[in-house]
């Protein structure tokens, strides 16, 4: 038996997710074609749990991993790109901008970024997502936010 090591940083699910089978199936159906899916709703309705469940169930489809980018504690939008780069393990010491580093790294990757709690950084998340999706055809983004990010994809 061959063991497959999955890349990424998804937390282990310690309990089951009951009663959202329809929503999980719908997101899993849309994600391969849409490239960018945003789960929206008021605080506490389970957007993060739904995103993590979908990410966990689809991670085998992403050869380069599934990466959870937790944004709730991030208050400085200028650190958004650096936070994403750090989370996916990029340690670039060059003079390139974090966005350039991310684009270069993601360009030929097959991976899913889960951007969690985008609402307070909505404009920055939308701009970053649009730039990354334009440069990286194998990238998918699953975002959670109280507000739609309103970008194509």
N, C-alpha and C. Protein backbone atom coordinates (compact mmCIF):
# COMPACT_ATOMS: atom_id res chain seq x y z
N UNK A 1 0.84 -1.18 0.00
CA UNK A 1 0.00 0.00 0.00
C UNK A 1 0.89 1.24 0.00
N UNK A 2 0.60 2.18 -0.90
CA UNK A 2 1.39 3.39 -1.02
C UNK A 2 0.70 4.50 -0.24
N UNK A 3 1.46 5.16 0.58
CA UNK A 3 0.93 6.29 1.35
C UNK A 3 1.18 7.58 0.58
N UNK A 4 0.17 8.40 0.44
CA UNK A 4 0.29 9.67 -0.26
C UNK A 4 0.32 10.78 0.78
N UNK A 5 1.40 11.54 0.76
CA UNK A 5 1.52 12.66 1.68
C UNK A 5 0.87 13.88 1.05
N UNK A 6 -0.15 14.39 1.70
CA UNK A 6 -0.83 15.56 1.18
C UNK A 6 -0.13 16.82 1.66
N UNK A 7 0.04 17.76 0.75
CA UNK A 7 0.70 19.01 1.09
C UNK A 7 -0.33 20.02 1.57
N UNK A 8 0.13 20.94 2.36
CA UNK A 8 -0.73 22.00 2.83
C UNK A 8 -0.66 22.14 4.33
N UNK A 9 -1.61 22.88 4.86
CA UNK A 9 -1.62 23.13 6.29
C UNK A 9 -3.01 23.06 6.90
N UNK A 10 -3.89 22.27 6.30
CA UNK A 10 -5.24 22.15 6.84
C UNK A 10 -5.20 21.54 8.23
N UNK A 11 -5.97 22.10 9.15
CA UNK A 11 -6.04 21.50 10.49
C UNK A 11 -6.79 20.17 10.44
N UNK A 12 -6.44 19.28 11.33
CA UNK A 12 -7.16 18.00 11.42
C UNK A 12 -8.58 18.27 11.89
N UNK A 13 -9.52 17.59 11.26
CA UNK A 13 -10.91 17.72 11.68
C UNK A 13 -11.14 16.76 12.85
N UNK A 14 -11.48 17.30 14.01
CA UNK A 14 -11.63 16.47 15.20
C UNK A 14 -13.07 16.02 15.44
N UNK A 15 -14.01 16.60 14.71
CA UNK A 15 -15.39 16.15 14.83
C UNK A 15 -16.05 16.21 13.46
N UNK A 16 -17.18 15.58 13.33
CA UNK A 16 -17.84 15.51 12.03
C UNK A 16 -18.66 16.76 11.78
N UNK A 17 -18.97 16.96 10.52
CA UNK A 17 -19.72 18.12 10.06
C UNK A 17 -21.05 17.61 9.56
N UNK A 18 -22.10 17.79 10.33
CA UNK A 18 -23.39 17.18 10.06
C UNK A 18 -24.36 18.20 9.47
N UNK A 19 -25.13 17.76 8.47
CA UNK A 19 -26.24 18.55 7.98
C UNK A 19 -25.94 19.55 6.89
N UNK A 20 -24.76 19.55 6.34
CA UNK A 20 -24.44 20.51 5.28
C UNK A 20 -24.04 19.81 4.00
N UNK A 21 -24.52 18.59 3.81
CA UNK A 21 -24.13 17.80 2.65
C UNK A 21 -24.46 18.49 1.33
N UNK A 22 -25.62 19.13 1.26
CA UNK A 22 -26.01 19.81 0.03
C UNK A 22 -25.06 20.97 -0.28
N UNK A 23 -24.73 21.77 0.74
CA UNK A 23 -23.83 22.91 0.53
C UNK A 23 -22.43 22.44 0.15
N UNK A 24 -21.95 21.38 0.81
CA UNK A 24 -20.63 20.83 0.49
C UNK A 24 -20.61 20.36 -0.96
N UNK A 25 -21.62 19.62 -1.36
CA UNK A 25 -21.69 19.11 -2.73
C UNK A 25 -21.73 20.25 -3.75
N UNK A 26 -22.48 21.29 -3.43
CA UNK A 26 -22.59 22.43 -4.35
C UNK A 26 -21.25 23.15 -4.53
N UNK A 27 -20.55 23.38 -3.44
CA UNK A 27 -19.25 24.05 -3.53
C UNK A 27 -18.25 23.16 -4.28
N UNK A 28 -18.25 21.87 -3.98
CA UNK A 28 -17.34 20.94 -4.67
C UNK A 28 -17.63 20.89 -6.17
N UNK A 29 -18.88 21.04 -6.55
CA UNK A 29 -19.26 21.02 -7.96
C UNK A 29 -18.82 22.31 -8.67
N UNK A 30 -18.93 23.43 -8.01
CA UNK A 30 -18.62 24.73 -8.61
C UNK A 30 -17.12 25.02 -8.64
N UNK A 31 -16.39 24.58 -7.64
CA UNK A 31 -14.98 24.95 -7.49
C UNK A 31 -14.09 24.61 -8.68
N UNK A 32 -14.19 23.45 -9.31
CA UNK A 32 -13.30 23.16 -10.44
C UNK A 32 -13.49 24.12 -11.63
N UNK A 33 -14.68 24.59 -11.84
CA UNK A 33 -14.95 25.45 -12.99
C UNK A 33 -14.83 26.93 -12.66
N UNK A 34 -15.22 27.33 -11.46
CA UNK A 34 -15.29 28.75 -11.13
C UNK A 34 -13.93 29.36 -10.80
N UNK A 35 -13.00 28.58 -10.30
CA UNK A 35 -11.67 29.00 -9.88
C UNK A 35 -11.69 29.88 -8.64
N UNK A 36 -12.71 30.70 -8.43
CA UNK A 36 -12.83 31.54 -7.24
C UNK A 36 -14.24 31.40 -6.71
N UNK A 37 -14.35 30.92 -5.48
CA UNK A 37 -15.65 30.77 -4.84
C UNK A 37 -15.57 31.48 -3.49
N UNK A 38 -16.55 32.33 -3.22
CA UNK A 38 -16.61 33.02 -1.93
C UNK A 38 -17.85 32.56 -1.19
N UNK A 39 -17.65 32.05 0.02
CA UNK A 39 -18.75 31.67 0.89
C UNK A 39 -19.07 32.90 1.75
N UNK A 40 -20.27 33.41 1.63
CA UNK A 40 -20.65 34.62 2.36
C UNK A 40 -21.77 34.33 3.34
N UNK A 41 -21.85 35.18 4.35
CA UNK A 41 -22.91 35.07 5.34
C UNK A 41 -22.50 35.81 6.60
N UNK A 42 -23.44 35.93 7.50
CA UNK A 42 -23.16 36.64 8.74
C UNK A 42 -22.18 35.83 9.60
N UNK A 43 -21.62 36.49 10.58
CA UNK A 43 -20.68 35.83 11.47
C UNK A 43 -21.33 34.68 12.22
N UNK A 44 -20.60 33.57 12.33
CA UNK A 44 -21.06 32.44 13.11
C UNK A 44 -21.94 31.44 12.39
N UNK A 45 -22.16 31.60 11.07
CA UNK A 45 -23.04 30.67 10.37
C UNK A 45 -22.32 29.43 9.86
N UNK A 46 -21.00 29.38 10.00
CA UNK A 46 -20.27 28.17 9.62
C UNK A 46 -19.53 28.25 8.31
N UNK A 47 -19.21 29.45 7.85
CA UNK A 47 -18.49 29.60 6.57
C UNK A 47 -17.13 28.91 6.63
N UNK A 48 -16.41 29.11 7.71
CA UNK A 48 -15.09 28.51 7.85
C UNK A 48 -15.19 27.00 7.91
N UNK A 49 -16.10 26.48 8.70
CA UNK A 49 -16.27 25.02 8.80
C UNK A 49 -16.63 24.41 7.45
N UNK A 50 -17.49 25.09 6.70
CA UNK A 50 -17.87 24.61 5.37
C UNK A 50 -16.65 24.63 4.45
N UNK A 51 -15.90 25.72 4.45
CA UNK A 51 -14.71 25.82 3.60
C UNK A 51 -13.69 24.74 3.95
N UNK A 52 -13.45 24.53 5.23
CA UNK A 52 -12.49 23.51 5.65
C UNK A 52 -12.95 22.11 5.29
N UNK A 53 -14.24 21.87 5.38
CA UNK A 53 -14.77 20.56 5.00
C UNK A 53 -14.58 20.31 3.51
N UNK A 54 -14.91 21.30 2.69
CA UNK A 54 -14.73 21.17 1.24
C UNK A 54 -13.25 21.01 0.92
N UNK A 55 -12.41 21.82 1.53
CA UNK A 55 -10.96 21.75 1.28
C UNK A 55 -10.41 20.37 1.63
N UNK A 56 -10.83 19.85 2.76
CA UNK A 56 -10.37 18.53 3.18
C UNK A 56 -10.82 17.42 2.24
N UNK A 57 -12.05 17.53 1.75
CA UNK A 57 -12.59 16.50 0.86
C UNK A 57 -12.04 16.59 -0.56
N UNK A 58 -11.47 17.73 -0.93
CA UNK A 58 -10.97 17.90 -2.30
C UNK A 58 -9.45 17.97 -2.38
N UNK A 59 -8.75 17.83 -1.28
CA UNK A 59 -7.30 18.08 -1.30
C UNK A 59 -6.53 17.14 -2.22
N UNK A 60 -7.02 15.96 -2.46
CA UNK A 60 -6.31 15.04 -3.38
C UNK A 60 -6.30 15.57 -4.82
N UNK A 61 -7.20 16.48 -5.14
CA UNK A 61 -7.27 17.05 -6.49
C UNK A 61 -6.20 18.12 -6.72
N UNK A 62 -5.49 18.51 -5.66
CA UNK A 62 -4.52 19.59 -5.75
C UNK A 62 -3.13 19.05 -5.43
N UNK A 63 -2.38 18.76 -6.49
CA UNK A 63 -1.06 18.14 -6.35
C UNK A 63 -0.10 18.95 -5.49
N UNK A 64 -0.27 20.26 -5.49
CA UNK A 64 0.65 21.12 -4.73
C UNK A 64 0.06 21.61 -3.42
N UNK A 65 -1.05 21.03 -3.03
CA UNK A 65 -1.56 21.25 -1.69
C UNK A 65 -2.76 22.16 -1.57
N UNK A 66 -3.28 22.17 -0.36
CA UNK A 66 -4.37 23.04 0.05
C UNK A 66 -3.86 23.84 1.25
N UNK A 67 -3.95 25.14 1.14
CA UNK A 67 -3.35 26.03 2.13
C UNK A 67 -4.40 26.95 2.73
N UNK A 68 -4.53 26.89 4.04
CA UNK A 68 -5.45 27.75 4.78
C UNK A 68 -4.71 29.03 5.18
N UNK A 69 -5.23 30.16 4.73
CA UNK A 69 -4.67 31.47 5.06
C UNK A 69 -5.66 32.13 6.01
N UNK A 70 -5.32 32.14 7.29
CA UNK A 70 -6.21 32.71 8.30
C UNK A 70 -5.96 34.21 8.42
N UNK A 71 -7.00 34.99 8.15
CA UNK A 71 -6.85 36.44 8.08
C UNK A 71 -7.53 37.20 9.21
N UNK A 72 -8.22 36.53 10.10
CA UNK A 72 -8.99 37.21 11.14
C UNK A 72 -8.14 38.15 11.98
N UNK A 73 -6.93 37.74 12.32
CA UNK A 73 -6.07 38.56 13.19
C UNK A 73 -5.26 39.60 12.43
N UNK A 74 -5.25 39.53 11.11
CA UNK A 74 -4.45 40.46 10.32
C UNK A 74 -5.16 41.80 10.22
N UNK A 75 -4.56 42.83 10.73
CA UNK A 75 -5.18 44.16 10.73
C UNK A 75 -4.56 45.11 9.70
N UNK A 76 -3.35 44.84 9.27
CA UNK A 76 -2.65 45.69 8.33
C UNK A 76 -2.73 45.08 6.94
N UNK A 77 -3.56 45.66 6.06
CA UNK A 77 -3.75 45.08 4.73
C UNK A 77 -2.46 45.04 3.93
N UNK A 78 -1.47 45.85 4.28
CA UNK A 78 -0.21 45.83 3.54
C UNK A 78 0.57 44.54 3.81
N UNK A 79 0.18 43.78 4.82
CA UNK A 79 0.85 42.52 5.13
C UNK A 79 0.15 41.31 4.53
N UNK A 80 -0.93 41.54 3.78
CA UNK A 80 -1.71 40.44 3.22
C UNK A 80 -0.87 39.53 2.33
N UNK A 81 -0.17 40.11 1.37
CA UNK A 81 0.61 39.29 0.44
C UNK A 81 1.73 38.55 1.15
N UNK A 82 2.38 39.20 2.10
CA UNK A 82 3.45 38.55 2.88
C UNK A 82 2.87 37.41 3.71
N UNK A 83 1.68 37.60 4.26
CA UNK A 83 1.03 36.56 5.05
C UNK A 83 0.75 35.32 4.20
N UNK A 84 0.24 35.53 3.00
CA UNK A 84 -0.02 34.41 2.10
C UNK A 84 1.29 33.71 1.74
N UNK A 85 2.30 34.50 1.38
CA UNK A 85 3.60 33.92 1.01
C UNK A 85 4.19 33.11 2.16
N UNK A 86 4.16 33.67 3.36
CA UNK A 86 4.70 32.97 4.53
C UNK A 86 3.95 31.66 4.78
N UNK A 87 2.63 31.70 4.65
CA UNK A 87 1.82 30.52 4.93
C UNK A 87 2.11 29.38 3.97
N UNK A 88 2.35 29.69 2.70
CA UNK A 88 2.63 28.63 1.74
C UNK A 88 4.11 28.24 1.73
N UNK A 89 4.88 28.82 2.66
CA UNK A 89 6.27 28.40 2.85
C UNK A 89 7.30 29.13 2.02
N UNK A 90 6.96 30.29 1.49
CA UNK A 90 7.92 31.04 0.68
C UNK A 90 8.78 31.93 1.58
N UNK A 91 10.07 31.81 1.46
CA UNK A 91 11.00 32.62 2.24
C UNK A 91 11.94 33.31 1.26
N UNK A 92 11.46 34.33 0.60
CA UNK A 92 12.23 35.03 -0.42
C UNK A 92 12.89 36.26 0.19
N UNK A 93 14.18 36.37 0.04
CA UNK A 93 14.92 37.50 0.59
C UNK A 93 15.34 38.49 -0.50
N UNK A 94 14.81 38.33 -1.69
CA UNK A 94 15.17 39.21 -2.79
C UNK A 94 14.45 40.55 -2.66
N UNK A 95 14.72 41.42 -3.61
CA UNK A 95 14.07 42.73 -3.62
C UNK A 95 12.69 42.69 -4.27
N UNK A 96 12.28 41.50 -4.73
CA UNK A 96 10.96 41.39 -5.36
C UNK A 96 9.86 41.61 -4.34
N UNK A 97 8.73 42.12 -4.81
CA UNK A 97 7.58 42.31 -3.93
C UNK A 97 6.98 40.95 -3.58
N UNK A 98 6.29 40.87 -2.44
CA UNK A 98 5.63 39.61 -2.09
C UNK A 98 4.67 39.13 -3.19
N UNK A 99 4.02 40.05 -3.89
CA UNK A 99 3.11 39.64 -4.96
C UNK A 99 3.89 38.99 -6.10
N UNK A 100 5.02 39.56 -6.48
CA UNK A 100 5.85 38.97 -7.53
C UNK A 100 6.33 37.58 -7.12
N UNK A 101 6.71 37.44 -5.87
CA UNK A 101 7.17 36.14 -5.37
C UNK A 101 6.03 35.12 -5.45
N UNK A 102 4.84 35.52 -5.00
CA UNK A 102 3.68 34.63 -5.06
C UNK A 102 3.34 34.23 -6.49
N UNK A 103 3.28 35.20 -7.38
CA UNK A 103 2.96 34.91 -8.77
C UNK A 103 3.97 33.94 -9.35
N UNK A 104 5.24 34.19 -9.11
CA UNK A 104 6.27 33.29 -9.62
C UNK A 104 6.15 31.88 -9.07
N UNK A 105 5.82 31.78 -7.80
CA UNK A 105 5.69 30.47 -7.17
C UNK A 105 4.44 29.72 -7.63
N UNK A 106 3.34 30.42 -7.76
CA UNK A 106 2.06 29.78 -8.05
C UNK A 106 1.81 29.55 -9.54
N UNK A 107 2.58 30.17 -10.39
CA UNK A 107 2.34 30.16 -11.84
C UNK A 107 2.07 28.76 -12.40
N UNK A 108 2.83 27.76 -11.97
CA UNK A 108 2.67 26.41 -12.53
C UNK A 108 2.17 25.40 -11.50
N UNK A 109 1.57 25.87 -10.44
CA UNK A 109 1.10 24.99 -9.38
C UNK A 109 -0.37 24.63 -9.56
N UNK A 110 -0.72 23.47 -8.99
CA UNK A 110 -2.11 23.02 -8.89
C UNK A 110 -2.45 23.03 -7.41
N UNK A 111 -3.03 24.14 -6.93
CA UNK A 111 -3.32 24.21 -5.51
C UNK A 111 -4.55 25.03 -5.20
N UNK A 112 -5.00 24.87 -3.97
CA UNK A 112 -6.17 25.58 -3.47
C UNK A 112 -5.73 26.46 -2.31
N UNK A 113 -6.05 27.74 -2.40
CA UNK A 113 -5.86 28.65 -1.28
C UNK A 113 -7.23 28.88 -0.64
N UNK A 114 -7.30 28.71 0.66
CA UNK A 114 -8.51 29.01 1.41
C UNK A 114 -8.23 30.31 2.16
N UNK A 115 -8.82 31.40 1.69
CA UNK A 115 -8.66 32.70 2.33
C UNK A 115 -9.81 32.86 3.31
N UNK A 116 -9.51 32.78 4.59
CA UNK A 116 -10.56 32.75 5.62
C UNK A 116 -10.68 34.10 6.32
N UNK A 117 -11.90 34.61 6.40
CA UNK A 117 -12.22 35.87 7.07
C UNK A 117 -11.68 37.08 6.31
N UNK A 118 -12.14 37.24 5.08
CA UNK A 118 -11.67 38.31 4.21
C UNK A 118 -12.37 39.65 4.42
N UNK A 119 -13.44 39.68 5.18
CA UNK A 119 -14.31 40.86 5.19
C UNK A 119 -13.60 42.18 5.52
N UNK A 120 -12.67 42.18 6.44
CA UNK A 120 -12.00 43.43 6.81
C UNK A 120 -10.85 43.78 5.88
N UNK A 121 -10.55 42.89 4.95
CA UNK A 121 -9.50 43.09 3.95
C UNK A 121 -10.05 42.84 2.54
N UNK A 122 -11.34 43.07 2.37
CA UNK A 122 -12.03 42.65 1.15
C UNK A 122 -11.39 43.21 -0.12
N UNK A 123 -11.08 44.49 -0.15
CA UNK A 123 -10.50 45.07 -1.36
C UNK A 123 -9.13 44.47 -1.65
N UNK A 124 -8.30 44.33 -0.62
CA UNK A 124 -6.98 43.74 -0.80
C UNK A 124 -7.05 42.28 -1.21
N UNK A 125 -7.96 41.52 -0.60
CA UNK A 125 -8.13 40.11 -0.97
C UNK A 125 -8.61 39.98 -2.41
N UNK A 126 -9.55 40.84 -2.80
CA UNK A 126 -10.06 40.79 -4.17
C UNK A 126 -8.95 41.11 -5.17
N UNK A 127 -8.16 42.13 -4.90
CA UNK A 127 -7.08 42.51 -5.82
C UNK A 127 -6.02 41.41 -5.90
N UNK A 128 -5.65 40.86 -4.77
CA UNK A 128 -4.65 39.79 -4.76
C UNK A 128 -5.18 38.56 -5.48
N UNK A 129 -6.41 38.17 -5.18
CA UNK A 129 -6.99 37.00 -5.83
C UNK A 129 -7.05 37.18 -7.34
N UNK A 130 -7.47 38.34 -7.80
CA UNK A 130 -7.55 38.60 -9.24
C UNK A 130 -6.18 38.47 -9.89
N UNK A 131 -5.15 39.03 -9.26
CA UNK A 131 -3.79 38.97 -9.82
C UNK A 131 -3.27 37.54 -9.85
N UNK A 132 -3.49 36.80 -8.77
CA UNK A 132 -3.00 35.42 -8.71
C UNK A 132 -3.72 34.51 -9.69
N UNK A 133 -5.03 34.67 -9.79
CA UNK A 133 -5.81 33.83 -10.71
C UNK A 133 -5.44 34.12 -12.16
N UNK A 134 -5.12 35.37 -12.48
CA UNK A 134 -4.73 35.72 -13.85
C UNK A 134 -3.40 35.08 -14.22
N UNK A 135 -2.52 34.92 -13.24
CA UNK A 135 -1.17 34.42 -13.51
C UNK A 135 -1.03 32.91 -13.35
N UNK A 136 -1.93 32.29 -12.61
CA UNK A 136 -1.77 30.88 -12.26
C UNK A 136 -3.01 30.08 -12.64
N UNK A 137 -3.02 29.47 -13.81
CA UNK A 137 -4.22 28.76 -14.27
C UNK A 137 -4.61 27.55 -13.43
N UNK A 138 -3.68 26.97 -12.67
CA UNK A 138 -3.99 25.81 -11.85
C UNK A 138 -4.43 26.16 -10.44
N UNK A 139 -4.53 27.45 -10.16
CA UNK A 139 -4.91 27.92 -8.83
C UNK A 139 -6.43 27.99 -8.70
N UNK A 140 -6.91 27.57 -7.54
CA UNK A 140 -8.30 27.77 -7.14
C UNK A 140 -8.27 28.50 -5.81
N UNK A 141 -9.26 29.37 -5.58
CA UNK A 141 -9.36 30.10 -4.33
C UNK A 141 -10.76 29.89 -3.76
N UNK A 142 -10.80 29.51 -2.50
CA UNK A 142 -12.05 29.38 -1.75
C UNK A 142 -11.94 30.38 -0.62
N UNK A 143 -12.78 31.39 -0.64
CA UNK A 143 -12.71 32.46 0.35
C UNK A 143 -13.95 32.45 1.23
N UNK A 144 -13.77 32.92 2.47
CA UNK A 144 -14.91 33.14 3.35
C UNK A 144 -14.92 34.62 3.72
N UNK A 145 -16.11 35.19 3.72
CA UNK A 145 -16.23 36.61 4.02
C UNK A 145 -17.68 36.94 4.36
N UNK A 146 -17.85 37.99 5.10
CA UNK A 146 -19.22 38.46 5.35
C UNK A 146 -19.76 39.24 4.16
N UNK A 147 -18.86 39.58 3.23
CA UNK A 147 -19.23 40.36 2.04
C UNK A 147 -18.63 39.70 0.80
N UNK A 148 -19.34 39.77 -0.30
CA UNK A 148 -18.82 39.23 -1.57
C UNK A 148 -17.59 40.02 -1.98
N UNK A 149 -16.59 39.34 -2.54
CA UNK A 149 -15.37 39.99 -2.97
C UNK A 149 -15.51 40.64 -4.35
N UNK A 150 -16.49 40.22 -5.12
CA UNK A 150 -16.84 40.83 -6.39
C UNK A 150 -15.68 40.91 -7.39
N UNK A 151 -15.11 39.75 -7.68
CA UNK A 151 -14.12 39.69 -8.75
C UNK A 151 -14.56 38.62 -9.73
N UNK A 152 -14.16 38.76 -10.99
CA UNK A 152 -14.51 37.72 -11.97
C UNK A 152 -13.88 36.38 -11.58
N UNK A 153 -14.59 35.31 -11.88
CA UNK A 153 -14.03 34.00 -11.60
C UNK A 153 -14.85 33.25 -10.62
